[in-house]
């Protein structure tokens, strides 16, 4: 094999890798559903700001517009971490450290963790329940009071 053949082979592989990289970079992405904060449909609460949502779920406030609210966290670690990152700009580890400090100092307790199926029951049975879940899991008995932007994830 002469040096010209080796050079042509090398160029071919460099171009092939470049084309493969472009294909992967331009591959379609799927929109991850927005995370929404919901209350019962009959709740007088109309809307919450991002700051109010963060304050409620971090135990800094317990009411909005004189309406008592009881936040519940998700048992789904990925959903919970994404929620706190998008709403409070805190990583999952930072949220755990925050609540450890609050509990240790006797200033409060973190929201109870519940599954999605338990979330539906809480909204039915508790007028002050405040829950976050993926937008595609909202049912007619829920009222959306806050929504995060849709996230973008590579399609698998």
N, C-alpha and C. Protein backbone atom coordinates (compact mmCIF):
# COMPACT_ATOMS: atom_id res chain seq x y z
N UNK A 1 0.85 -1.18 0.00
CA UNK A 1 0.00 0.00 0.00
C UNK A 1 0.88 1.23 0.00
N UNK A 2 0.61 2.12 -0.93
CA UNK A 2 1.46 3.31 -1.00
C UNK A 2 0.90 4.43 -0.13
N UNK A 3 1.67 5.49 0.02
CA UNK A 3 1.28 6.59 0.91
C UNK A 3 0.05 7.34 0.40
N UNK A 4 -0.16 7.36 -0.93
CA UNK A 4 -1.33 8.02 -1.49
C UNK A 4 -2.61 7.29 -1.09
N UNK A 5 -2.59 5.97 -1.08
CA UNK A 5 -3.75 5.16 -0.68
C UNK A 5 -4.08 5.37 0.80
N UNK A 6 -3.02 5.46 1.58
CA UNK A 6 -3.23 5.68 3.02
C UNK A 6 -3.85 7.05 3.25
N UNK A 7 -3.37 8.05 2.53
CA UNK A 7 -3.91 9.40 2.67
C UNK A 7 -5.39 9.46 2.25
N UNK A 8 -5.74 8.80 1.16
CA UNK A 8 -7.14 8.76 0.70
C UNK A 8 -8.01 8.05 1.74
N UNK A 9 -7.53 6.95 2.30
CA UNK A 9 -8.27 6.22 3.33
C UNK A 9 -8.50 7.06 4.57
N UNK A 10 -7.47 7.79 4.97
CA UNK A 10 -7.58 8.66 6.14
C UNK A 10 -8.63 9.75 5.92
N UNK A 11 -8.60 10.38 4.74
CA UNK A 11 -9.58 11.42 4.42
C UNK A 11 -11.00 10.86 4.42
N UNK A 12 -11.15 9.65 3.87
CA UNK A 12 -12.46 9.01 3.84
C UNK A 12 -13.01 8.85 5.26
N UNK A 13 -12.19 8.34 6.18
CA UNK A 13 -12.65 8.12 7.55
C UNK A 13 -12.91 9.45 8.28
N UNK A 14 -12.10 10.45 8.01
CA UNK A 14 -12.34 11.77 8.62
C UNK A 14 -13.68 12.34 8.15
N UNK A 15 -13.95 12.21 6.85
CA UNK A 15 -15.22 12.71 6.32
C UNK A 15 -16.40 11.88 6.85
N UNK A 16 -16.21 10.58 6.98
CA UNK A 16 -17.28 9.72 7.50
C UNK A 16 -17.61 10.10 8.94
N UNK A 17 -16.60 10.36 9.77
CA UNK A 17 -16.83 10.77 11.16
C UNK A 17 -17.52 12.13 11.22
N UNK A 18 -17.13 13.02 10.33
CA UNK A 18 -17.75 14.35 10.28
C UNK A 18 -19.23 14.23 9.93
N UNK A 19 -19.54 13.41 8.94
CA UNK A 19 -20.94 13.22 8.53
C UNK A 19 -21.73 12.56 9.66
N UNK A 20 -21.17 11.56 10.31
CA UNK A 20 -21.85 10.90 11.43
C UNK A 20 -22.11 11.90 12.56
N UNK A 21 -21.13 12.75 12.86
CA UNK A 21 -21.31 13.76 13.90
C UNK A 21 -22.43 14.73 13.56
N UNK A 22 -22.49 15.15 12.30
CA UNK A 22 -23.57 16.05 11.87
C UNK A 22 -24.93 15.39 11.96
N UNK A 23 -25.01 14.14 11.59
CA UNK A 23 -26.28 13.41 11.68
C UNK A 23 -26.75 13.34 13.12
N UNK A 24 -25.84 13.00 14.02
CA UNK A 24 -26.21 12.92 15.45
C UNK A 24 -26.59 14.28 16.01
N UNK A 25 -25.86 15.31 15.61
CA UNK A 25 -26.15 16.65 16.13
C UNK A 25 -27.49 17.17 15.63
N UNK A 26 -27.88 16.77 14.46
CA UNK A 26 -29.13 17.27 13.88
C UNK A 26 -30.29 16.31 14.05
N UNK A 27 -30.08 15.24 14.82
CA UNK A 27 -31.16 14.27 15.01
C UNK A 27 -32.33 14.91 15.75
N UNK A 28 -33.55 14.42 15.51
CA UNK A 28 -34.73 15.02 16.14
C UNK A 28 -34.65 14.93 17.66
N UNK A 29 -35.25 15.91 18.31
CA UNK A 29 -35.33 15.90 19.77
C UNK A 29 -36.80 15.81 20.17
N UNK A 30 -37.03 15.18 21.28
CA UNK A 30 -38.40 15.05 21.79
C UNK A 30 -38.59 16.06 22.92
N UNK A 31 -39.72 16.69 22.92
CA UNK A 31 -40.01 17.64 23.99
C UNK A 31 -40.43 16.86 25.22
N UNK A 32 -39.73 17.10 26.32
CA UNK A 32 -40.12 16.51 27.59
C UNK A 32 -41.29 17.34 28.10
N UNK A 33 -42.32 16.71 28.64
CA UNK A 33 -43.47 17.50 29.09
C UNK A 33 -43.06 18.52 30.16
N UNK A 34 -43.72 19.65 30.13
CA UNK A 34 -43.51 20.65 31.17
C UNK A 34 -43.93 20.05 32.51
N UNK A 35 -43.36 20.55 33.57
CA UNK A 35 -43.81 20.18 34.91
C UNK A 35 -44.81 21.24 35.33
N UNK A 36 -45.97 20.79 35.77
CA UNK A 36 -47.01 21.72 36.19
C UNK A 36 -47.30 21.54 37.68
N UNK A 37 -47.68 22.62 38.30
CA UNK A 37 -48.13 22.60 39.70
C UNK A 37 -49.64 22.70 39.65
N UNK A 38 -50.30 21.78 40.34
CA UNK A 38 -51.76 21.72 40.28
C UNK A 38 -52.39 21.75 41.66
N UNK A 39 -53.64 22.21 41.67
CA UNK A 39 -54.52 22.16 42.83
C UNK A 39 -55.84 21.54 42.36
N UNK A 40 -56.75 21.35 43.29
CA UNK A 40 -58.09 20.85 42.90
C UNK A 40 -58.76 21.86 41.98
N UNK A 41 -59.60 21.35 41.11
CA UNK A 41 -60.32 22.20 40.16
C UNK A 41 -61.16 23.26 40.87
N UNK A 42 -61.70 22.92 42.05
CA UNK A 42 -62.57 23.86 42.76
C UNK A 42 -61.81 24.82 43.69
N UNK A 43 -60.49 24.80 43.64
CA UNK A 43 -59.70 25.70 44.48
C UNK A 43 -59.86 27.15 44.02
N UNK A 44 -59.92 28.09 44.96
CA UNK A 44 -60.00 29.50 44.57
C UNK A 44 -58.67 30.04 44.03
N UNK A 45 -57.59 29.29 44.20
CA UNK A 45 -56.28 29.72 43.71
C UNK A 45 -56.27 29.73 42.19
N UNK A 46 -55.81 30.81 41.61
CA UNK A 46 -55.80 30.95 40.15
C UNK A 46 -54.42 30.75 39.54
N UNK A 47 -53.38 31.28 40.21
CA UNK A 47 -52.05 31.25 39.62
C UNK A 47 -51.01 31.45 40.71
N UNK A 48 -49.82 30.87 40.50
CA UNK A 48 -48.68 31.08 41.38
C UNK A 48 -47.49 31.52 40.53
N UNK A 49 -46.65 32.37 41.09
CA UNK A 49 -45.41 32.74 40.42
C UNK A 49 -44.35 31.68 40.72
N UNK A 50 -43.28 31.71 39.96
CA UNK A 50 -42.17 30.77 40.20
C UNK A 50 -41.62 30.95 41.61
N UNK A 51 -41.49 32.19 42.06
CA UNK A 51 -40.98 32.45 43.41
C UNK A 51 -41.91 31.91 44.49
N UNK A 52 -43.22 32.06 44.28
CA UNK A 52 -44.19 31.53 45.25
C UNK A 52 -44.11 30.00 45.30
N UNK A 53 -44.00 29.37 44.13
CA UNK A 53 -43.91 27.90 44.09
C UNK A 53 -42.66 27.45 44.84
N UNK A 54 -41.53 28.08 44.57
CA UNK A 54 -40.29 27.71 45.26
C UNK A 54 -40.44 27.91 46.77
N UNK A 55 -40.99 29.03 47.18
CA UNK A 55 -41.16 29.31 48.62
C UNK A 55 -42.10 28.30 49.28
N UNK A 56 -43.17 27.92 48.59
CA UNK A 56 -44.11 26.93 49.15
C UNK A 56 -43.44 25.57 49.31
N UNK A 57 -42.74 25.10 48.28
CA UNK A 57 -42.14 23.77 48.34
C UNK A 57 -40.88 23.72 49.20
N UNK A 58 -40.30 24.89 49.51
CA UNK A 58 -39.16 24.94 50.42
C UNK A 58 -39.59 25.31 51.84
N UNK A 59 -40.89 25.37 52.09
CA UNK A 59 -41.40 25.60 53.43
C UNK A 59 -41.26 27.02 53.93
N UNK A 60 -40.99 27.97 53.05
CA UNK A 60 -40.81 29.36 53.47
C UNK A 60 -42.13 30.08 53.67
N UNK A 61 -43.15 29.65 52.93
CA UNK A 61 -44.51 30.18 53.11
C UNK A 61 -45.49 29.01 53.09
N UNK A 62 -46.68 29.24 53.64
CA UNK A 62 -47.70 28.18 53.69
C UNK A 62 -49.02 28.61 53.07
N UNK A 63 -49.08 29.86 52.62
CA UNK A 63 -50.31 30.41 52.04
C UNK A 63 -49.98 31.20 50.78
N UNK A 64 -50.97 31.35 49.93
CA UNK A 64 -50.89 32.28 48.82
C UNK A 64 -52.24 32.96 48.73
N UNK A 65 -52.25 34.28 48.77
CA UNK A 65 -53.50 35.04 48.76
C UNK A 65 -54.46 34.54 49.85
N UNK A 66 -53.93 34.32 51.03
CA UNK A 66 -54.69 33.84 52.19
C UNK A 66 -55.30 32.46 51.98
N UNK A 67 -54.84 31.72 50.99
CA UNK A 67 -55.31 30.35 50.75
C UNK A 67 -54.24 29.40 51.29
N UNK A 68 -54.58 28.59 52.32
CA UNK A 68 -53.59 27.65 52.84
C UNK A 68 -53.29 26.55 51.82
N UNK A 69 -52.00 26.19 51.72
CA UNK A 69 -51.58 25.17 50.75
C UNK A 69 -50.63 24.18 51.42
N UNK A 70 -50.78 22.90 51.05
CA UNK A 70 -49.94 21.84 51.58
C UNK A 70 -49.22 21.18 50.40
N UNK A 71 -47.93 21.53 50.20
CA UNK A 71 -47.20 20.94 49.07
C UNK A 71 -46.82 19.48 49.33
N UNK A 72 -46.80 18.71 48.26
CA UNK A 72 -46.37 17.32 48.28
C UNK A 72 -45.29 17.13 47.23
N UNK A 73 -44.22 16.44 47.61
CA UNK A 73 -43.13 16.15 46.67
C UNK A 73 -43.39 14.84 45.95
N UNK A 74 -42.75 14.68 44.80
CA UNK A 74 -42.87 13.45 44.03
C UNK A 74 -41.85 12.42 44.52
N UNK A 75 -42.25 11.16 44.52
CA UNK A 75 -41.32 10.07 44.83
C UNK A 75 -40.38 9.80 43.66
N UNK A 76 -40.73 10.30 42.48
CA UNK A 76 -39.91 10.11 41.28
C UNK A 76 -38.69 11.04 41.37
N UNK A 77 -37.52 10.46 41.61
CA UNK A 77 -36.30 11.25 41.81
C UNK A 77 -35.99 12.18 40.64
N UNK A 78 -36.12 11.66 39.42
CA UNK A 78 -35.82 12.49 38.24
C UNK A 78 -36.77 13.67 38.14
N UNK A 79 -38.06 13.42 38.35
CA UNK A 79 -39.05 14.49 38.30
C UNK A 79 -38.80 15.52 39.40
N UNK A 80 -38.53 15.04 40.62
CA UNK A 80 -38.29 15.93 41.75
C UNK A 80 -37.05 16.79 41.50
N UNK A 81 -35.97 16.16 41.03
CA UNK A 81 -34.74 16.91 40.77
C UNK A 81 -34.95 17.96 39.68
N UNK A 82 -35.65 17.58 38.62
CA UNK A 82 -35.92 18.53 37.53
C UNK A 82 -36.80 19.68 38.03
N UNK A 83 -37.81 19.36 38.85
CA UNK A 83 -38.70 20.39 39.40
C UNK A 83 -37.91 21.43 40.19
N UNK A 84 -37.11 20.97 41.16
CA UNK A 84 -36.37 21.91 42.00
C UNK A 84 -35.31 22.68 41.20
N UNK A 85 -34.73 22.04 40.19
CA UNK A 85 -33.75 22.74 39.36
C UNK A 85 -34.43 23.86 38.59
N UNK A 86 -35.60 23.58 38.02
CA UNK A 86 -36.29 24.57 37.20
C UNK A 86 -37.00 25.64 38.02
N UNK A 87 -37.49 25.28 39.19
CA UNK A 87 -38.27 26.24 39.99
C UNK A 87 -37.40 27.01 40.99
N UNK A 88 -36.52 26.30 41.68
CA UNK A 88 -35.72 26.94 42.73
C UNK A 88 -34.25 27.07 42.36
N UNK A 89 -33.88 26.59 41.17
CA UNK A 89 -32.49 26.59 40.73
C UNK A 89 -31.58 25.90 41.74
N UNK A 90 -32.07 24.76 42.26
CA UNK A 90 -31.33 23.97 43.24
C UNK A 90 -31.23 22.53 42.75
N UNK A 91 -30.05 21.95 42.86
CA UNK A 91 -29.87 20.54 42.51
C UNK A 91 -30.54 19.67 43.57
N UNK A 92 -30.75 18.41 43.24
CA UNK A 92 -31.34 17.49 44.21
C UNK A 92 -30.53 17.40 45.49
N UNK A 93 -29.20 17.37 45.36
CA UNK A 93 -28.34 17.31 46.55
C UNK A 93 -28.46 18.58 47.39
N UNK A 94 -28.58 19.71 46.73
CA UNK A 94 -28.70 20.97 47.46
C UNK A 94 -30.04 21.04 48.21
N UNK A 95 -31.09 20.52 47.59
CA UNK A 95 -32.40 20.49 48.26
C UNK A 95 -32.34 19.59 49.49
N UNK A 96 -31.70 18.43 49.36
CA UNK A 96 -31.56 17.52 50.51
C UNK A 96 -30.78 18.19 51.63
N UNK A 97 -29.70 18.89 51.28
CA UNK A 97 -28.90 19.58 52.29
C UNK A 97 -29.72 20.69 52.96
N UNK A 98 -30.50 21.40 52.16
CA UNK A 98 -31.36 22.47 52.69
C UNK A 98 -32.32 21.89 53.73
N UNK A 99 -33.02 20.80 53.36
CA UNK A 99 -33.99 20.23 54.28
C UNK A 99 -33.33 19.60 55.50
N UNK A 100 -32.14 19.06 55.36
CA UNK A 100 -31.42 18.52 56.51
C UNK A 100 -31.17 19.62 57.53
N UNK A 101 -30.75 20.79 57.03
CA UNK A 101 -30.48 21.93 57.92
C UNK A 101 -31.77 22.41 58.59
N UNK A 102 -32.86 22.50 57.82
CA UNK A 102 -34.13 22.98 58.36
C UNK A 102 -34.67 22.02 59.41
N UNK A 103 -34.63 20.72 59.13
CA UNK A 103 -35.12 19.71 60.08
C UNK A 103 -34.26 19.71 61.33
N UNK A 104 -32.93 19.73 61.16
CA UNK A 104 -32.02 19.70 62.31
C UNK A 104 -32.24 20.89 63.23
N UNK A 105 -32.53 22.05 62.65
CA UNK A 105 -32.72 23.26 63.46
C UNK A 105 -34.15 23.36 64.01
N UNK A 106 -35.01 22.40 63.66
CA UNK A 106 -36.37 22.40 64.17
C UNK A 106 -37.28 23.43 63.51
N UNK A 107 -36.89 23.93 62.35
CA UNK A 107 -37.66 24.98 61.68
C UNK A 107 -38.71 24.44 60.72
N UNK A 108 -38.73 23.15 60.47
CA UNK A 108 -39.73 22.63 59.55
C UNK A 108 -39.42 21.22 59.10
N UNK A 109 -40.29 20.71 58.26
CA UNK A 109 -40.15 19.37 57.69
C UNK A 109 -40.40 19.45 56.19
N UNK A 110 -39.71 18.60 55.41
CA UNK A 110 -39.92 18.63 53.96
C UNK A 110 -41.31 18.13 53.60
N UNK A 111 -41.78 18.48 52.41
CA UNK A 111 -43.09 17.96 51.98
C UNK A 111 -43.06 16.43 51.93
N UNK A 112 -44.20 15.84 52.23
CA UNK A 112 -44.33 14.38 52.15
C UNK A 112 -44.15 13.97 50.68
N UNK A 113 -43.45 12.86 50.47
CA UNK A 113 -43.26 12.34 49.11
C UNK A 113 -44.39 11.39 48.77
N UNK A 114 -44.96 11.58 47.57
CA UNK A 114 -46.06 10.73 47.14
C UNK A 114 -45.86 10.33 45.67
N UNK A 115 -46.48 9.23 45.30
CA UNK A 115 -46.43 8.77 43.90
C UNK A 115 -47.47 9.52 43.09
N UNK A 116 -47.42 9.33 41.78
CA UNK A 116 -48.40 9.99 40.91
C UNK A 116 -49.81 9.53 41.23
N UNK A 117 -49.99 8.22 41.48
CA UNK A 117 -51.34 7.73 41.81
C UNK A 117 -51.81 8.29 43.15
N UNK A 118 -50.91 8.44 44.10
CA UNK A 118 -51.27 9.04 45.39
C UNK A 118 -51.60 10.53 45.21
N UNK A 119 -50.95 11.17 44.24
CA UNK A 119 -51.22 12.60 43.98
C UNK A 119 -52.67 12.81 43.59
N UNK A 120 -53.18 11.93 42.76
CA UNK A 120 -54.59 12.05 42.35
C UNK A 120 -55.52 11.90 43.55
N UNK A 121 -55.21 10.97 44.44
CA UNK A 121 -56.03 10.78 45.65
C UNK A 121 -55.93 11.99 46.58
N UNK A 122 -54.72 12.54 46.74
CA UNK A 122 -54.54 13.71 47.61
C UNK A 122 -55.39 14.88 47.12
N UNK A 123 -55.39 15.10 45.81
CA UNK A 123 -56.18 16.21 45.26
C UNK A 123 -57.67 15.99 45.47
N UNK A 124 -58.10 14.75 45.43
CA UNK A 124 -59.51 14.45 45.63
C UNK A 124 -59.90 14.64 47.09
N UNK A 125 -59.01 14.24 48.01
CA UNK A 125 -59.35 14.21 49.43
C UNK A 125 -58.91 15.43 50.25
N UNK A 126 -57.96 16.20 49.74
CA UNK A 126 -57.42 17.30 50.53
C UNK A 126 -57.52 18.61 49.74
N UNK A 127 -58.32 19.52 50.23
CA UNK A 127 -58.59 20.78 49.53
C UNK A 127 -57.35 21.66 49.40
N UNK A 128 -56.37 21.51 50.30
CA UNK A 128 -55.19 22.38 50.26
C UNK A 128 -53.99 21.74 49.58
N UNK A 129 -54.16 20.57 48.95
CA UNK A 129 -53.04 19.87 48.32
C UNK A 129 -52.47 20.66 47.14
N UNK A 130 -51.15 20.72 47.09
CA UNK A 130 -50.41 21.39 46.02
C UNK A 130 -49.38 20.38 45.51
N UNK A 131 -49.49 20.01 44.24
CA UNK A 131 -48.72 18.90 43.71
C UNK A 131 -48.12 19.29 42.36
N UNK A 132 -46.92 18.77 42.07
CA UNK A 132 -46.35 18.94 40.73
C UNK A 132 -46.27 17.58 40.04
N UNK A 133 -46.47 17.61 38.75
CA UNK A 133 -46.40 16.40 37.94
C UNK A 133 -46.19 16.76 36.48
N UNK A 134 -45.83 15.78 35.64
CA UNK A 134 -45.69 16.09 34.22
C UNK A 134 -47.02 16.55 33.63
N UNK A 135 -46.96 17.51 32.74
CA UNK A 135 -48.17 18.10 32.16
C UNK A 135 -49.08 17.05 31.51
N UNK A 136 -48.48 16.00 30.97
CA UNK A 136 -49.30 14.99 30.30
C UNK A 136 -50.06 14.08 31.26
N UNK A 137 -49.91 14.30 32.58
CA UNK A 137 -50.63 13.52 33.57
C UNK A 137 -51.74 14.31 34.26
N UNK A 138 -52.01 15.49 33.76
CA UNK A 138 -53.08 16.33 34.33
C UNK A 138 -54.43 15.75 33.94
N UNK A 139 -55.34 15.72 34.90
CA UNK A 139 -56.69 15.22 34.66
C UNK A 139 -57.70 16.36 34.81
N UNK A 140 -58.95 16.17 34.39
CA UNK A 140 -59.95 17.24 34.47
C UNK A 140 -60.24 17.76 35.88
N UNK A 141 -59.96 16.97 36.92
CA UNK A 141 -60.23 17.45 38.28
C UNK A 141 -59.09 18.30 38.84
N UNK A 142 -58.10 18.62 37.99
CA UNK A 142 -56.95 19.42 38.42
C UNK A 142 -56.96 20.78 37.74
N UNK A 143 -56.46 21.78 38.48
CA UNK A 143 -56.29 23.12 37.91
C UNK A 143 -54.80 23.44 37.93
N UNK A 144 -54.26 23.81 36.78
CA UNK A 144 -52.85 24.17 36.69
C UNK A 144 -52.68 25.61 37.17
N UNK A 145 -51.79 25.80 38.16
CA UNK A 145 -51.54 27.15 38.69
C UNK A 145 -50.13 27.64 38.38
N UNK A 146 -49.29 26.75 37.85
CA UNK A 146 -47.93 27.12 37.45
C UNK A 146 -47.41 26.06 36.49
N UNK A 147 -46.59 26.50 35.53
CA UNK A 147 -46.00 25.57 34.58
C UNK A 147 -44.56 25.97 34.28
N UNK A 148 -43.67 24.97 34.23
CA UNK A 148 -42.29 25.22 33.81
C UNK A 148 -42.25 25.17 32.29
N UNK A 149 -41.20 25.69 31.68
CA UNK A 149 -41.07 25.52 30.23
C UNK A 149 -40.85 24.05 29.90
N UNK A 150 -41.22 23.65 28.69
CA UNK A 150 -40.96 22.29 28.26
C UNK A 150 -39.46 22.09 28.13
N UNK A 151 -38.97 20.93 28.58
CA UNK A 151 -37.55 20.60 28.45
C UNK A 151 -37.31 19.86 27.15
N UNK A 152 -36.10 19.92 26.65
CA UNK A 152 -35.75 19.22 25.42
C UNK A 152 -34.75 18.12 25.74
N UNK A 153 -35.10 16.91 25.37
CA UNK A 153 -34.20 15.77 25.57
C UNK A 153 -33.94 15.10 24.23
N UNK A 154 -32.73 14.57 24.03
CA UNK A 154 -32.48 13.83 22.79
C UNK A 154 -33.42 12.64 22.71
N UNK A 155 -33.91 12.37 21.52
CA UNK A 155 -34.80 11.23 21.29
C UNK A 155 -33.97 9.97 21.30
N UNK A 156 -34.40 8.95 22.03
CA UNK A 156 -33.67 7.69 22.09
C UNK A 156 -34.21 6.71 21.09
